[in-house]
Structure formats: structure tokens, C-alpha cells
C-alpha atoms as a PDB file:
ATOM      1  CA  MET A   1     118.478 107.676 116.547  1.00  0.00           C
ATOM      2  CA  PRO A   2     115.333 106.749 117.763  1.00  0.00           C
ATOM      3  CA  GLU A   3     114.707 105.171 121.269  1.00  0.00           C
ATOM      4  CA  SER A   4     114.020 102.062 119.473  1.00  0.00           C
ATOM      5  CA  PHE A   5     117.370 101.938 117.847  1.00  0.00           C
ATOM      6  CA  LEU A   6     118.481  98.688 119.366  1.00  0.00           C
ATOM      7  CA  GLU A   7     115.021  96.973 118.801  1.00  0.00           C
ATOM      8  CA  VAL A   8     114.485  97.503 114.917  1.00  0.00           C
ATOM      9  CA  ASN A   9     118.478  96.813 114.211  1.00  0.00           C
ATOM     10  CA  PRO A  10     118.590  92.809 115.025  1.00  0.00           C
ATOM     11  CA  ARG A  11     121.864  92.306 116.839  1.00  0.00           C
ATOM     12  CA  GLU A  12     123.487  90.124 113.808  1.00  0.00           C
ATOM     13  CA  ARG A  13     123.795  94.123 112.012  1.00  0.00           C
ATOM     14  CA  TRP A  14     125.311  95.570 115.315  1.00  0.00           C
ATOM     15  CA  PRO A  15     128.796  95.471 113.565  1.00  0.00           C
ATOM     16  CA  ASP A  16     126.973  96.730 110.195  1.00  0.00           C
ATOM     17  CA  LEU A  17     126.276 100.341 112.051  1.00  0.00           C
ATOM     18  CA  VAL A  18     129.607 100.758 113.414  1.00  0.00           C
ATOM     19  CA  ARG A  19     130.967 100.449 109.592  1.00  0.00           C
ATOM     20  CA  TYR A  20     128.175 102.393 108.613  1.00  0.00           C
ATOM     21  CA  MET A  21     128.561 105.232 111.201  1.00  0.00           C
ATOM     22  CA  LYS A  22     132.226 105.652 110.495  1.00  0.00           C
ATOM     23  CA  ALA A  23     131.243 105.559 107.032  1.00  0.00           C
ATOM     24  CA  LEU A  24     129.353 108.747 107.657  1.00  0.00           C
ATOM     25  CA  SER A  25     132.152 110.065 108.961  1.00  0.00           C
ATOM     26  CA  LEU A  26     134.280 109.529 106.374  1.00  0.00           C
ATOM     27  CA  ARG A  27     131.734 111.529 103.866  1.00  0.00           C
ATOM     28  CA  ALA A  28     130.562 114.323 106.192  1.00  0.00           C
ATOM     29  CA  GLU A  29     134.692 115.241 105.405  1.00  0.00           C
ATOM     30  CA  LYS A  30     134.866 114.745 101.670  1.00  0.00           C
ATOM     31  CA  GLY A  31     130.966 115.907 101.248  1.00  0.00           C
ATOM     32  CA  LEU A  32     132.560 119.161 102.323  1.00  0.00           C
ATOM     33  CA  LEU A  33     135.382 119.305 100.187  1.00  0.00           C
ATOM     34  CA  ASN A  34     133.361 118.610  96.807  1.00  0.00           C
ATOM     35  CA  GLN A  35     129.707 119.131  97.838  1.00  0.00           C
ATOM     36  CA  ALA A  36     128.833 119.179  94.305  1.00  0.00           C
ATOM     37  CA  LYS A  37     130.221 115.168  93.897  1.00  0.00           C
ATOM     38  CA  ASP A  38     128.606 114.688  97.048  1.00  0.00           C
ATOM     39  CA  ARG A  39     125.017 115.874  96.196  1.00  0.00           C
ATOM     40  CA  ALA A  40     125.537 113.801  92.598  1.00  0.00           C
ATOM     41  CA  LYS A  41     126.046 110.293  94.687  1.00  0.00           C
ATOM     42  CA  ILE A  42     122.731 111.677  95.891  1.00  0.00           C
ATOM     43  CA  GLU A  43     120.917 111.487  92.793  1.00  0.00           C
ATOM     44  CA  GLU A  44     122.501 108.085  92.214  1.00  0.00           C
ATOM     45  CA  ILE A  45     121.276 106.438  95.343  1.00  0.00           C
ATOM     46  CA  ARG A  46     118.208 108.621  95.612  1.00  0.00           C
ATOM     47  CA  VAL A  47     115.706 106.475  93.371  1.00  0.00           C
ATOM     48  CA  PHE A  48     116.567 103.306  95.835  1.00  0.00           C
ATOM     49  CA  ASP A  49     115.678 105.408  98.985  1.00  0.00           C
ATOM     50  CA  ASP A  50     112.546 106.826  97.311  1.00  0.00           C
ATOM     51  CA  ARG A  51     111.572 103.085  95.984  1.00  0.00           C
ATOM     52  CA  LEU A  52     112.360 101.695  99.640  1.00  0.00           C
ATOM     53  CA  ARG A  53     109.990 104.312 101.366  1.00  0.00           C
ATOM     54  CA  ASP A  54     107.164 103.123  98.749  1.00  0.00           C
ATOM     55  CA  LEU A  55     107.671  99.576  99.435  1.00  0.00           C
ATOM     56  CA  ARG A  56     107.486 100.032 102.684  1.00  0.00           C
ATOM     57  CA  LYS A  57     104.450 102.154 102.928  1.00  0.00           C
ATOM     58  CA  GLY A  58     102.585  99.379 100.431  1.00  0.00           C
ATOM     59  CA  LEU A  59     103.118  96.386 103.487  1.00  0.00           C
ATOM     60  CA  SER A  60      99.869  94.798 104.745  1.00  0.00           C
ATOM     61  CA  SER A  61      98.593  92.368 106.700  1.00  0.00           C
ATOM     62  CA  SER A  62      98.980  89.833 104.026  1.00  0.00           C
ATOM     63  CA  THR A  63     101.990  90.991 102.969  1.00  0.00           C
ATOM     64  CA  SER A  64     103.582  87.463 102.669  1.00  0.00           C
ATOM     65  CA  ALA A  65     107.027  87.385 105.285  1.00  0.00           C
ATOM     66  CA  GLU A  66     109.240  86.479 102.808  1.00  0.00           C
ATOM     67  CA  LYS A  67     108.550  89.295 100.487  1.00  0.00           C
ATOM     68  CA  ARG A  68     108.950  91.336 103.843  1.00  0.00           C
ATOM     69  CA  GLU A  69     112.611  89.873 104.968  1.00  0.00           C
ATOM     70  CA  SER A  70     113.290  90.326 101.170  1.00  0.00           C
ATOM     71  CA  ILE A  71     112.163  93.909 101.332  1.00  0.00           C
ATOM     72  CA  ASN A  72     114.406  94.674 104.977  1.00  0.00           C
ATOM     73  CA  GLU A  73     117.674  92.429 103.295  1.00  0.00           C
ATOM     74  CA  TRP A  74     117.194  95.432 100.289  1.00  0.00           C
ATOM     75  CA  ALA A  75     117.024  97.883 102.401  1.00  0.00           C
ATOM     76  CA  TRP A  76     120.397  96.583 103.386  1.00  0.00           C
ATOM     77  CA  MET A  77     121.538  96.318 100.278  1.00  0.00           C
ATOM     78  CA  ILE A  78     121.592  99.665  99.246  1.00  0.00           C
ATOM     79  CA  GLU A  79     123.237 100.370 103.167  1.00  0.00           C
ATOM     80  CA  GLU A  80     126.007  98.742 101.627  1.00  0.00           C
ATOM     81  CA  TYR A  81     125.881 100.709  98.572  1.00  0.00           C
ATOM     82  CA  ARG A  82     126.069 103.666 100.050  1.00  0.00           C
ATOM     83  CA  VAL A  83     129.201 102.207 101.597  1.00  0.00           C
ATOM     84  CA  SER A  84     130.973 101.790  98.805  1.00  0.00           C
ATOM     85  CA  LEU A  85     129.388 105.044  96.576  1.00  0.00           C
ATOM     86  CA  PHE A  86     130.726 107.724  99.308  1.00  0.00           C
ATOM     87  CA  THR A  87     133.603 105.685 101.011  1.00  0.00           C
ATOM     88  CA  GLN A  88     135.546 104.079  98.403  1.00  0.00           C
ATOM     89  CA  GLU A  89     137.999 103.226 100.410  1.00  0.00           C
ATOM     90  CA  MET A  90     135.983 101.259 103.067  1.00  0.00           C
ATOM     91  CA  LYS A  91     135.384  97.534 102.055  1.00  0.00           C
ATOM     92  CA  THR A  92     131.029  96.425 101.751  1.00  0.00           C
ATOM     93  CA  ALA A  93     130.203  93.481 103.319  1.00  0.00           C
ATOM     94  CA  TYR A  94     129.299  91.701  99.995  1.00  0.00           C
ATOM     95  CA  PRO A  95     129.618  93.047  96.721  1.00  0.00           C
ATOM     96  CA  VAL A  96     126.973  95.549  95.640  1.00  0.00           C
ATOM     97  CA  SER A  97     126.179  97.637  92.862  1.00  0.00           C
ATOM     98  CA  ARG A  98     123.420  99.496  91.128  1.00  0.00           C
ATOM     99  CA  LYS A  99     122.978  96.421  88.472  1.00  0.00           C
ATOM    100  CA  ARG A 100     122.571  94.014  91.475  1.00  0.00           C
ATOM    101  CA  LEU A 101     120.137  96.531  93.321  1.00  0.00           C
ATOM    102  CA  ALA A 102     117.952  96.988  90.460  1.00  0.00           C
ATOM    103  CA  ALA A 103     117.535  93.094  89.801  1.00  0.00           C
ATOM    104  CA  ARG A 104     117.354  92.218  93.688  1.00  0.00           C
ATOM    105  CA  LEU A 105     114.580  95.420  93.797  1.00  0.00           C
ATOM    106  CA  LYS A 106     112.910  93.359  90.310  1.00  0.00           C
ATOM    107  CA  GLU A 107     112.769  90.229  91.846  1.00  0.00           C
ATOM    108  CA  ILE A 108     110.912  91.666  95.147  1.00  0.00           C
ATOM    109  CA  GLU A 109     108.306  93.567  92.992  1.00  0.00           C
ATOM    110  CA  GLU A 110     107.476  89.820  90.926  1.00  0.00           C
ATOM    111  CA  MET A 111     106.993  88.291  94.439  1.00  0.00           C
ATOM    112  CA  ILE A 112     103.470  87.639  95.292  1.00  0.00           C
END
């Protein structure tokens, strides 16, 4: 983890980080048992990871605070989706799906 890990992740997100670490551990165990299935799930989420990277690269000093915050919240949605894909036995913090992620992305892209 980067040295700035706790600085970049707001305190209210710390409980989620613990859950994500547990999900990662479960995912690793499952991945060893069925690597093909794990790779398919990686591909399913890759489109969102790639788009998030592009959105973050496109941020500038003129990007509104609202859009920045929306992108950050969308990044957390992606993490919740990752939990739902790889560790279905764990509950997500809120309902999330591919369709919800795509709809929120569209809203972000339409922001000025």
C-alpha cells in the first residue's frame, strides 16, 4: 500500500477497506480453485476500471468539485461491484450492478 493510503482514503471509508481486504482474501482462495472463472470476472469489471482511469486522467483544474466527487463515488461503486462479483457470499454496502454502474457513468459523462 502507498504511504498515503490513510490520507487518500477518508476515515468514513475505513470500515469498507476492512471488508474489501476480506473480500480480496476470499477471492484469492476462489481464484486458485477456478482461474478461468476469475479471469472472466476480471474481464467483466475491466471496462469500468479502464473508464475510471480515463476519467481520472481527464481531470483538470477546471473540473467541477461535483464531478470530481461523482467520479470518486463511482470508484467506490466499482469496488462494491467487485465484492458482488468475486465474493457473492459477502454483502455489498448498497445495491450495485453492471447496469447501475453504466447508468451512473452516463450521468458523470454528461456533467459539465
